Amino acid sequence: MTSIQKKILTLTSVVLVIMSVIWLALTYYNHKTQQQYNEILQRYLSMNEVTTASQQVITDLNNYMIQPSKGNRERLDASKEKIQQAKNDVSKLRNTENNFTLTNYINLIDSFMETTDRLLLFHAENDSEASANEFTEATRISTYMSEMSLTLLDTELKTYNRFYRGIIEQSGEVMKLGIWVLLLIACVLLLVTYWFSLSITRPVYKLTKAANELSKGNFGQPVKVETNDEIAFLAKTFDRMRININNLISEIKHKAQLERELQESKLLLQESQFRSLQSQINPHFLFNTLNTLSKKAYLEGSEETSDLLVSVAGILRYNLKRLDRSVTLHEEVVVLKQYMDIQKARFTDRLHLHMEVDPSCLGMKIPALTLQPIIENAVIHAVEPKEDGGVIWFRVMEEADHIRIEIEDDGLGMTEEKRLQIINETPVLSESHSTGIGFSNVVKRLRLFYGYEDVIDIESVEGRGTKVILKIEKQGVDAA
């Protein structure tokens, strides 16, 4: 149970968390800004360090030329190392704005170092005139380096002027954002506070209203308080009292409902039994009758009629014996031919069937009544609606790891919605003159029989025909 005290503590914690997040965000922003300032200042200091170091080298050179002691030489070497380090630091400051100037600047430092080395060499050889000339050159280069440093600093100032302005603008935007955030937080806190007050006052109001209803003798209205605190516990106790008073009335209503449902079930059962009696026509009687008519037509010389009756009898016998078991593809193809013989007699020259069957695939197992409903669908939608009929292709071919069966027509095609309904096994309203085996039912039986989803696919474009593709994997499929 969540007490009211816990709710207050939760609200306070939320406020503290929000304020902490805002403080952390502002602190992070200030830290990033300060870090950017420090980086720019470090760039300026690095450039100024070269000037200072070069001047120090000139001073140490002068002292060493006046008094070539060991201490002066050590200080000179230290100054040279310092200017070399300053050069390395300046090399890292390269960008698109100062690339050319910085390259000249680094070359100037190299010239300065080379002049210093030549001066030391001449001095070691006691060539005073050459040493003086090199010292003059070093001093000139140091002066030029100082001017170059000022040029680089000016370039940096121009380069980062946009950055400074951006920081100023960004600070202004942050201030505006802070104001809006504070306003937003104030609104949110007002809403949360309002919701919190409702979570306390609303259950009390509901409890009061329920008490008034009970005082009027209305025991059927439950006391519902959707909270998890002390008020909810009080409401549940109050509701149990109402339930104890209302139990007898509820029990009587429940018994009446059961009696009514029992009566409705009896009526449904009688209706079902009546429909069952209506459908009890012996199919074996129809099969024997068709055989008798076939023989009579043959004896009377009507061989075409006899063949049609034999085909109809064959389909009926196949349905009686094979509906609940698997068959070979050969048996399915035979029944398909019998069905198409009947349709050819109906449509004559309007129906054209082309069959390409690989005999090596005919021993494969397949659920009974798989091909006939599919090709029946092709007849209904490809041949029947068109005045000049249509063409149906039936192909069975063996591929690397599966057997492929295609039933294609040049009919009117189907919409994408209907294609997805069939693939997703959604019942589709069948034609009134079909045999009754739905296309979706065929899809479901194929997937249950083979154990994988992509056993069937449908390619169709409205106005250009439909192709149904069965891909039956060789592995795990028994052959007859």
Protein backbone atom coordinates (compact mmCIF):
# COMPACT_ATOMS: atom_id res chain seq x y z
CA MET A 1 0.00 0.00 0.00
CA THR A 2 1.27 3.45 -0.93
CA SER A 3 0.50 5.87 1.88
CA ILE A 4 -0.30 9.54 1.43
CA GLN A 5 2.96 10.31 3.19
CA LYS A 6 4.87 8.36 0.53
CA LYS A 7 3.11 10.32 -2.19
CA ILE A 8 4.26 13.60 -0.65
CA LEU A 9 7.82 12.31 -0.37
CA THR A 10 7.70 11.17 -4.01
CA LEU A 11 6.53 14.61 -5.18
CA THR A 12 9.32 16.29 -3.21
CA SER A 13 11.90 13.89 -4.64
CA VAL A 14 10.74 14.59 -8.19
CA VAL A 15 11.12 18.35 -7.65
CA LEU A 16 14.61 17.86 -6.22
CA VAL A 17 15.62 15.63 -9.13
CA ILE A 18 14.41 18.18 -11.68
CA MET A 19 16.30 20.99 -9.96
CA SER A 20 19.43 18.81 -9.74
CA VAL A 21 19.25 18.00 -13.44
CA ILE A 22 18.98 21.69 -14.31
CA TRP A 23 21.95 22.53 -12.06
CA LEU A 24 24.05 19.75 -13.58
CA ALA A 25 23.19 20.90 -17.11
CA LEU A 26 24.16 24.50 -16.36
CA THR A 27 27.37 23.37 -14.65
CA TYR A 28 28.27 21.21 -17.63
CA TYR A 29 27.61 24.06 -20.06
CA ASN A 30 29.77 26.47 -18.03
CA HIS A 31 32.56 23.89 -17.86
CA LYS A 32 32.50 23.37 -21.64
CA THR A 33 32.56 27.14 -22.25
CA GLN A 34 35.47 27.62 -19.85
CA GLN A 35 37.32 24.75 -21.50
CA GLN A 36 36.92 26.39 -24.91
CA TYR A 37 38.21 29.69 -23.52
CA ASN A 38 41.22 27.88 -22.03
CA GLU A 39 42.01 26.21 -25.35
CA ILE A 40 42.03 29.55 -27.17
CA LEU A 41 44.13 31.18 -24.45
CA GLN A 42 46.59 28.29 -24.67
CA ARG A 43 46.93 28.94 -28.43
CA TYR A 44 47.86 32.57 -27.73
CA LEU A 45 50.32 31.60 -25.01
CA SER A 46 51.97 29.01 -27.29
CA MET A 47 52.55 31.63 -30.01
CA ASN A 48 53.85 34.15 -27.49
CA GLU A 49 56.16 31.49 -26.02
CA VAL A 50 58.11 31.35 -29.31
CA THR A 51 58.85 35.08 -29.14
CA THR A 52 59.92 34.88 -25.49
CA ALA A 53 62.09 31.83 -26.14
CA SER A 54 63.81 33.41 -29.18
CA GLN A 55 64.62 36.54 -27.21
CA GLN A 56 66.00 34.40 -24.40
CA VAL A 57 68.23 32.57 -26.91
CA ILE A 58 69.59 35.95 -28.16
CA THR A 59 70.32 37.00 -24.58
CA ASP A 60 72.07 33.70 -23.78
CA LEU A 61 74.05 33.89 -27.04
CA ASN A 62 75.24 37.36 -26.20
CA ASN A 63 76.29 36.27 -22.70
CA TYR A 64 78.07 33.24 -24.08
CA MET A 65 79.98 35.30 -26.68
CA ILE A 66 81.09 37.75 -24.00
CA GLN A 67 81.99 35.04 -21.51
CA PRO A 68 82.11 31.50 -23.01
CA SER A 69 81.80 29.69 -19.67
CA LYS A 70 80.26 26.29 -19.03
CA GLY A 71 77.31 27.79 -17.15
CA ASN A 72 76.47 30.18 -19.99
CA ARG A 73 76.63 27.30 -22.49
CA GLU A 74 74.26 25.21 -20.40
CA ARG A 75 71.80 28.09 -20.19
CA LEU A 76 72.08 28.58 -23.97
CA ASP A 77 71.38 24.89 -24.61
CA ALA A 78 68.38 25.05 -22.27
CA SER A 79 67.04 28.06 -24.19
CA LYS A 80 67.45 26.20 -27.51
CA GLU A 81 65.53 23.22 -26.17
CA LYS A 82 62.82 25.56 -24.95
CA ILE A 83 62.39 27.19 -28.36
CA GLN A 84 62.35 23.73 -29.99
CA GLN A 85 59.53 22.71 -27.61
CA ALA A 86 57.71 25.95 -28.38
CA LYS A 87 58.02 25.16 -32.09
CA ASN A 88 56.44 21.72 -31.55
CA ASP A 89 53.56 23.30 -29.61
CA VAL A 90 52.95 25.87 -32.34
CA SER A 91 52.89 23.16 -35.04
CA LYS A 92 49.74 21.72 -33.39
CA LEU A 93 47.86 24.99 -33.89
CA ARG A 94 47.59 24.58 -37.68
CA ASN A 95 44.21 25.19 -39.33
CA THR A 96 42.85 26.35 -42.68
CA GLU A 97 43.05 30.04 -41.75
CA ASN A 98 46.71 30.12 -40.66
CA ASN A 99 48.19 27.27 -42.68
CA PHE A 100 50.40 29.40 -44.94
CA THR A 101 51.52 31.87 -42.26
CA LEU A 102 52.22 29.12 -39.75
CA THR A 103 54.33 27.22 -42.29
CA ASN A 104 56.48 30.33 -42.86
CA TYR A 105 56.64 30.85 -39.10
CA ILE A 106 57.96 27.33 -38.48
CA ASN A 107 60.49 27.71 -41.30
CA LEU A 108 61.62 30.97 -39.69
CA ILE A 109 62.19 29.17 -36.38
CA ASP A 110 64.23 26.53 -38.20
CA SER A 111 66.33 29.31 -39.83
CA PHE A 112 66.82 30.89 -36.42
CA MET A 113 68.05 27.58 -34.98
CA GLU A 114 70.38 27.01 -37.91
CA THR A 115 71.84 30.55 -37.55
CA THR A 116 72.42 29.89 -33.84
CA ASP A 117 74.21 26.64 -34.60
CA ARG A 118 76.45 28.35 -37.20
CA LEU A 119 77.29 31.12 -34.70
CA LEU A 120 78.39 28.55 -32.14
CA LEU A 121 80.47 26.78 -34.79
CA PHE A 122 82.26 30.00 -35.83
CA HIS A 123 82.75 30.97 -32.22
CA ALA A 124 84.38 27.61 -31.50
CA GLU A 125 86.73 28.29 -34.41
CA ASN A 126 87.54 31.77 -33.00
CA ASP A 127 86.16 33.46 -36.10
CA SER A 128 84.97 36.67 -34.44
CA GLU A 129 83.79 38.43 -37.61
CA ALA A 130 81.67 35.49 -38.81
CA SER A 131 80.28 35.04 -35.29
CA ALA A 132 79.29 38.70 -35.14
CA ASN A 133 77.57 38.46 -38.53
CA GLU A 134 75.62 35.37 -37.46
CA PHE A 135 74.63 37.05 -34.20
CA THR A 136 73.33 40.01 -36.17
CA GLU A 137 71.39 37.63 -38.44
CA ALA A 138 69.98 35.77 -35.44
CA THR A 139 68.89 39.04 -33.87
CA ARG A 140 67.21 40.10 -37.14
CA ILE A 141 65.40 36.77 -37.42
CA SER A 142 64.28 37.00 -33.76
CA THR A 143 62.86 40.45 -34.42
CA TYR A 144 61.05 39.19 -37.50
CA MET A 145 59.73 36.23 -35.49
CA SER A 146 58.24 38.67 -32.98
CA GLU A 147 56.48 40.51 -35.80
CA MET A 148 55.33 37.20 -37.26
CA SER A 149 53.93 36.19 -33.86
CA LEU A 150 51.87 39.37 -33.82
CA THR A 151 50.59 38.54 -37.32
CA LEU A 152 49.60 35.04 -36.22
CA LEU A 153 47.90 36.40 -33.11
CA ASP A 154 45.96 38.85 -35.25
CA THR A 155 44.91 35.98 -37.55
CA GLU A 156 43.81 33.94 -34.53
CA LEU A 157 41.79 36.87 -33.19
CA LYS A 158 40.06 37.25 -36.54
CA THR A 159 39.48 33.49 -36.79
CA TYR A 160 37.98 33.18 -33.33
CA ASN A 161 36.07 36.43 -33.47
CA ARG A 162 33.10 34.49 -34.86
CA PHE A 163 33.54 32.00 -32.05
CA TYR A 164 33.44 34.74 -29.41
CA ARG A 165 30.32 36.19 -30.94
CA GLY A 166 28.82 32.71 -31.08
CA ILE A 167 29.51 32.19 -27.39
CA ILE A 168 27.88 35.52 -26.56
CA GLU A 169 24.82 34.65 -28.68
CA GLN A 170 24.75 31.17 -27.22
CA SER A 171 24.83 32.58 -23.70
CA GLY A 172 21.86 34.75 -24.58
CA GLU A 173 20.00 31.76 -25.99
CA VAL A 174 20.84 29.72 -22.91
CA MET A 175 19.42 32.47 -20.73
CA LYS A 176 16.21 32.48 -22.78
CA LEU A 177 16.09 28.71 -22.65
CA GLY A 178 16.58 28.84 -18.89
CA ILE A 179 13.63 31.20 -18.54
CA TRP A 180 11.41 28.97 -20.68
CA VAL A 181 12.56 25.88 -18.80
CA LEU A 182 11.73 27.52 -15.50
CA LEU A 183 8.30 28.50 -16.80
CA LEU A 184 7.76 24.99 -18.11
CA ILE A 185 8.85 23.43 -14.83
CA ALA A 186 6.54 25.79 -12.95
CA CYS A 187 3.61 24.74 -15.15
CA VAL A 188 4.49 21.07 -14.77
CA LEU A 189 4.76 21.42 -11.00
CA LEU A 190 1.38 23.17 -10.93
CA LEU A 191 -0.16 20.32 -12.93
CA VAL A 192 1.50 17.69 -10.77
CA THR A 193 0.37 19.43 -7.61
CA TYR A 194 -3.17 19.66 -8.98
CA TRP A 195 -3.09 15.97 -9.87
CA PHE A 196 -1.73 15.13 -6.43
CA SER A 197 -4.52 17.05 -4.72
CA LEU A 198 -7.09 15.28 -6.90
CA SER A 199 -5.62 11.89 -5.96
CA ILE A 200 -6.62 12.71 -2.36
CA THR A 201 -9.88 14.66 -2.76
CA ARG A 202 -11.41 12.58 -5.58
CA PRO A 203 -11.46 9.25 -3.64
CA VAL A 204 -13.01 11.07 -0.66
CA TYR A 205 -15.71 12.48 -2.95
CA LYS A 206 -16.42 9.01 -4.41
CA LEU A 207 -16.65 7.50 -0.96
CA THR A 208 -19.09 10.19 0.11
CA LYS A 209 -21.22 9.66 -3.00
CA ALA A 210 -21.30 5.87 -2.43
CA ALA A 211 -22.43 6.39 1.15
CA ASN A 212 -25.32 8.58 -0.10
CA GLU A 213 -26.37 5.88 -2.62
CA LEU A 214 -26.37 3.20 0.07
CA SER A 215 -28.45 5.40 2.32
CA LYS A 216 -31.07 5.53 -0.49
CA GLY A 217 -31.15 1.71 -0.72
CA ASN A 218 -29.13 1.41 -3.97
CA PHE A 219 -26.91 -1.60 -3.20
CA GLY A 220 -25.94 -2.37 -6.81
CA GLN A 221 -23.44 0.44 -7.33
CA PRO A 222 -19.87 -0.65 -6.39
CA VAL A 223 -17.55 1.60 -4.45
CA LYS A 224 -14.51 2.04 -6.69
CA VAL A 225 -11.53 4.05 -5.50
CA GLU A 226 -8.56 3.55 -7.84
CA THR A 227 -5.80 4.47 -5.43
CA ASN A 228 -3.39 2.52 -3.29
CA ASP A 229 -3.44 4.35 0.00
CA GLU A 230 -5.40 4.53 3.28
CA ILE A 231 -8.48 5.94 1.54
CA ALA A 232 -8.57 2.94 -0.83
CA PHE A 233 -8.41 0.58 2.16
CA LEU A 234 -11.35 2.38 3.74
CA ALA A 235 -13.28 2.20 0.44
CA LYS A 236 -12.66 -1.56 0.09
CA THR A 237 -13.93 -2.16 3.62
CA PHE A 238 -17.01 -0.09 2.84
CA ASP A 239 -17.53 -2.01 -0.40
CA ARG A 240 -17.35 -5.39 1.33
CA MET A 241 -20.18 -4.27 3.57
CA ARG A 242 -22.22 -3.34 0.48
CA ILE A 243 -21.43 -6.71 -1.13
CA ASN A 244 -22.62 -8.65 1.94
CA ILE A 245 -25.97 -6.87 1.74
CA ASN A 246 -26.23 -7.36 -2.04
CA ASN A 247 -25.22 -11.07 -2.23
CA LEU A 248 -28.75 -12.47 -2.16
CA ILE A 249 -29.96 -10.24 -5.02
CA SER A 250 -26.89 -11.07 -7.12
CA GLU A 251 -27.36 -14.80 -6.57
CA ILE A 252 -30.97 -14.67 -7.77
CA LYS A 253 -29.95 -12.72 -10.90
CA HIS A 254 -27.15 -15.21 -11.60
CA LYS A 255 -29.51 -18.18 -11.44
CA ALA A 256 -31.91 -16.46 -13.81
CA GLN A 257 -29.08 -15.79 -16.25
CA LEU A 258 -27.96 -19.43 -16.19
CA GLU A 259 -31.50 -20.63 -16.86
CA ARG A 260 -31.83 -18.28 -19.84
CA GLU A 261 -28.47 -19.40 -21.29
CA LEU A 262 -29.48 -23.05 -20.88
CA GLN A 263 -32.68 -22.42 -22.80
CA GLU A 264 -30.76 -20.68 -25.60
CA SER A 265 -28.31 -23.61 -25.78
CA LYS A 266 -31.18 -26.05 -26.18
CA LEU A 267 -32.58 -24.00 -29.09
CA LEU A 268 -29.16 -23.88 -30.77
CA LEU A 269 -28.72 -27.63 -30.35
CA GLN A 270 -32.11 -28.33 -31.95
CA GLU A 271 -31.26 -26.05 -34.89
CA SER A 272 -27.89 -27.77 -35.33
CA GLN A 273 -29.50 -31.22 -35.33
CA PHE A 274 -32.02 -30.06 -37.96
CA ARG A 275 -29.25 -28.76 -40.24
CA SER A 276 -27.30 -31.96 -39.78
CA LEU A 277 -30.30 -34.01 -40.93
CA GLN A 278 -30.67 -31.79 -44.00
CA SER A 279 -27.04 -32.44 -45.07
CA GLN A 280 -27.08 -36.24 -44.63
CA ILE A 281 -26.98 -37.26 -48.30
CA ASN A 282 -25.06 -40.46 -48.88
CA PRO A 283 -22.09 -39.61 -51.16
CA HIS A 284 -21.58 -43.30 -51.99
CA PHE A 285 -25.07 -43.37 -53.54
CA LEU A 286 -24.06 -40.41 -55.76
CA PHE A 287 -20.80 -42.18 -56.76
CA ASN A 288 -22.63 -45.42 -57.72
CA THR A 289 -25.25 -43.40 -59.62
CA LEU A 290 -22.53 -41.58 -61.64
CA ASN A 291 -20.89 -44.92 -62.55
CA THR A 292 -24.24 -46.27 -63.72
CA LEU A 293 -24.90 -43.17 -65.86
CA SER A 294 -21.38 -43.39 -67.32
CA LYS A 295 -21.86 -47.00 -68.44
CA LYS A 296 -25.28 -46.23 -69.86
CA ALA A 297 -23.89 -43.23 -71.83
CA TYR A 298 -21.04 -45.41 -73.17
CA LEU A 299 -23.49 -48.15 -74.28
CA GLU A 300 -25.60 -45.50 -76.01
CA GLY A 301 -22.53 -44.18 -77.91
CA SER A 302 -22.09 -40.92 -75.97
CA GLU A 303 -18.41 -41.47 -75.24
CA GLU A 304 -17.69 -37.80 -74.40
CA THR A 305 -20.52 -37.73 -71.87
CA SER A 306 -19.27 -41.04 -70.48
CA ASP A 307 -15.75 -39.63 -70.05
CA LEU A 308 -17.10 -36.60 -68.26
CA LEU A 309 -19.11 -38.76 -65.89
CA VAL A 310 -16.03 -40.93 -65.26
CA SER A 311 -14.05 -37.77 -64.42
CA VAL A 312 -16.77 -36.56 -62.04
CA ALA A 313 -16.93 -40.00 -60.41
CA GLY A 314 -13.14 -40.08 -60.10
CA ILE A 315 -13.08 -36.71 -58.33
CA LEU A 316 -15.88 -37.81 -56.00
CA ARG A 317 -14.12 -41.10 -55.21
CA TYR A 318 -10.85 -39.22 -54.57
CA ASN A 319 -12.61 -36.87 -52.16
CA LEU A 320 -14.21 -39.77 -50.29
CA LYS A 321 -10.99 -41.73 -49.82
CA ARG A 322 -8.19 -39.18 -49.68
CA LEU A 323 -9.49 -36.05 -47.95
CA ASP A 324 -7.88 -36.72 -44.55
CA ARG A 325 -4.48 -38.09 -45.64
CA SER A 326 -1.46 -37.31 -47.77
CA VAL A 327 -1.19 -38.48 -51.38
CA THR A 328 1.48 -38.49 -54.06
CA LEU A 329 1.85 -35.63 -56.49
CA HIS A 330 0.98 -38.11 -59.26
CA GLU A 331 -2.48 -38.68 -57.75
CA GLU A 332 -3.03 -34.94 -57.41
CA VAL A 333 -2.06 -34.40 -61.07
CA VAL A 334 -4.50 -37.15 -62.17
CA VAL A 335 -7.39 -35.50 -60.29
CA LEU A 336 -6.34 -32.12 -61.68
CA LYS A 337 -6.54 -33.50 -65.24
CA GLN A 338 -10.00 -34.96 -64.52
CA TYR A 339 -11.17 -31.59 -63.21
CA MET A 340 -9.76 -29.78 -66.27
CA ASP A 341 -11.47 -32.31 -68.60
CA ILE A 342 -14.78 -31.26 -67.06
CA GLN A 343 -13.93 -27.57 -67.42
CA LYS A 344 -12.81 -28.02 -71.04
CA ALA A 345 -16.16 -29.56 -71.84
CA ARG A 346 -17.75 -26.48 -70.30
CA PHE A 347 -15.59 -23.76 -71.85
CA THR A 348 -14.51 -25.63 -75.08
CA ASP A 349 -12.00 -23.45 -76.98
CA ARG A 350 -12.03 -20.66 -74.40
CA LEU A 351 -9.86 -22.70 -72.02
CA HIS A 352 -6.23 -23.49 -72.85
CA LEU A 353 -4.13 -25.59 -70.48
CA HIS A 354 -0.36 -26.08 -70.83
CA MET A 355 1.28 -28.68 -68.57
CA GLU A 356 5.03 -29.12 -67.99
CA VAL A 357 5.58 -31.90 -65.45
CA ASP A 358 8.91 -33.45 -64.45
CA PRO A 359 8.11 -37.19 -63.96
CA SER A 360 10.85 -37.53 -61.33
CA CYS A 361 8.87 -35.29 -58.98
CA LEU A 362 5.58 -37.21 -59.07
CA GLY A 363 6.44 -39.47 -56.12
CA MET A 364 6.53 -36.55 -53.67
CA LYS A 365 3.98 -36.52 -50.82
CA ILE A 366 1.47 -33.66 -50.72
CA PRO A 367 -1.80 -33.02 -48.82
CA ALA A 368 -4.88 -34.27 -50.64
CA LEU A 369 -6.97 -31.71 -52.57
CA THR A 370 -4.19 -29.12 -52.83
CA LEU A 371 -3.84 -28.44 -56.56
CA GLN A 372 -7.49 -28.71 -57.62
CA PRO A 373 -8.75 -25.75 -55.49
CA ILE A 374 -5.88 -23.57 -56.74
CA ILE A 375 -6.46 -24.30 -60.41
CA GLU A 376 -10.20 -23.95 -59.84
CA ASN A 377 -9.52 -20.43 -58.60
CA ALA A 378 -7.57 -19.77 -61.82
CA VAL A 379 -10.50 -21.01 -63.95
CA ILE A 380 -13.00 -18.84 -62.07
CA HIS A 381 -10.91 -15.65 -62.31
CA ALA A 382 -8.96 -16.13 -65.55
CA VAL A 383 -11.27 -17.95 -67.95
CA GLU A 384 -14.84 -17.42 -66.83
CA PRO A 385 -14.95 -13.56 -66.77
CA LYS A 386 -13.27 -13.12 -70.17
CA GLU A 387 -15.24 -13.48 -73.36
CA ASP A 388 -12.30 -15.00 -75.23
CA GLY A 389 -11.31 -17.24 -72.30
CA GLY A 390 -7.82 -17.56 -70.92
CA VAL A 391 -4.66 -19.62 -70.61
CA ILE A 392 -3.49 -21.63 -67.58
CA TRP A 393 0.04 -22.97 -67.17
CA PHE A 394 0.80 -25.85 -64.80
CA ARG A 395 4.48 -26.60 -64.17
CA VAL A 396 6.31 -29.07 -61.92
CA MET A 397 10.09 -28.79 -61.88
CA GLU A 398 12.96 -29.93 -59.70
CA GLU A 399 15.44 -27.38 -58.37
CA ALA A 400 18.55 -27.62 -56.20
CA ASP A 401 16.99 -28.10 -52.75
CA HIS A 402 13.27 -28.09 -53.41
CA ILE A 403 10.52 -29.00 -55.88
CA ARG A 404 8.74 -26.03 -57.46
CA ILE A 405 5.09 -26.15 -58.55
CA GLU A 406 3.63 -23.19 -60.47
CA ILE A 407 0.00 -22.52 -61.45
CA GLU A 408 -0.17 -19.38 -63.58
CA ASP A 409 -3.00 -17.67 -65.47
CA ASP A 410 -3.41 -14.57 -67.63
CA GLY A 411 -6.59 -13.43 -65.94
CA LEU A 412 -7.59 -10.26 -64.15
CA GLY A 413 -5.22 -10.75 -61.21
CA MET A 414 -6.07 -9.83 -57.64
CA THR A 415 -5.59 -6.86 -55.33
CA GLU A 416 -2.71 -6.74 -52.86
CA GLU A 417 -5.25 -6.79 -50.02
CA LYS A 418 -6.76 -10.07 -51.22
CA ARG A 419 -3.29 -11.56 -51.84
CA LEU A 420 -2.30 -10.80 -48.25
CA GLN A 421 -5.60 -12.21 -46.97
CA ILE A 422 -4.83 -15.54 -48.65
CA ILE A 423 -1.17 -15.62 -47.54
CA ASN A 424 -2.20 -14.74 -43.94
CA GLU A 425 -4.85 -17.50 -43.99
CA THR A 426 -7.70 -15.00 -43.61
CA PRO A 427 -10.97 -16.55 -44.84
CA VAL A 428 -11.90 -15.07 -48.23
CA LEU A 429 -15.44 -15.12 -49.61
CA SER A 430 -15.43 -17.90 -52.21
CA GLU A 431 -17.31 -18.01 -55.47
CA SER A 432 -20.78 -19.53 -55.12
CA HIS A 433 -20.09 -22.17 -57.79
CA SER A 434 -16.70 -23.39 -56.45
CA THR A 435 -16.20 -26.83 -54.91
CA GLY A 436 -16.04 -25.35 -51.42
CA ILE A 437 -12.36 -25.95 -50.56
CA GLY A 438 -11.17 -22.41 -49.76
CA PHE A 439 -7.83 -21.06 -50.99
CA SER A 440 -6.93 -19.97 -47.42
CA ASN A 441 -7.71 -23.47 -46.22
CA VAL A 442 -5.20 -24.87 -48.74
CA VAL A 443 -2.53 -22.46 -47.46
CA LYS A 444 -3.15 -23.50 -43.85
CA ARG A 445 -3.05 -27.23 -44.67
CA LEU A 446 0.22 -26.87 -46.61
CA ARG A 447 1.94 -25.05 -43.74
CA LEU A 448 0.70 -27.56 -41.19
CA PHE A 449 1.80 -30.49 -43.37
CA TYR A 450 5.33 -29.26 -44.19
CA GLY A 451 6.03 -27.28 -41.03
CA TYR A 452 7.33 -23.98 -42.51
CA GLU A 453 5.68 -20.71 -43.57
CA ASP A 454 7.15 -19.94 -47.01
CA VAL A 455 5.84 -23.13 -48.65
CA ILE A 456 3.51 -20.98 -50.78
CA ASP A 457 3.78 -17.58 -52.45
CA ILE A 458 1.48 -15.60 -54.73
CA GLU A 459 2.58 -13.14 -57.41
CA SER A 460 -0.23 -11.08 -58.91
CA VAL A 461 -0.68 -7.81 -60.78
CA GLU A 462 -4.17 -6.49 -61.45
CA GLY A 463 -4.99 -6.91 -65.13
CA ARG A 464 -1.93 -9.11 -65.84
CA GLY A 465 -2.67 -12.43 -64.17
CA THR A 466 -1.70 -14.44 -61.12
CA LYS A 467 1.02 -16.99 -60.37
CA VAL A 468 0.80 -19.36 -57.38
CA ILE A 469 4.18 -20.89 -56.41
CA LEU A 470 4.65 -23.91 -54.14
CA LYS A 471 8.23 -24.52 -52.94
CA ILE A 472 8.45 -27.93 -51.27
CA GLU A 473 11.77 -28.74 -49.65
CA LYS A 474 13.24 -32.13 -50.50
CA GLN A 475 14.61 -32.69 -47.02
CA GLY A 476 12.08 -34.21 -44.66
CA VAL A 477 9.47 -34.91 -47.39
CA ASP A 478 8.78 -38.61 -47.93
CA ALA A 479 8.55 -39.90 -51.48
CA ALA A 480 6.35 -42.74 -52.47
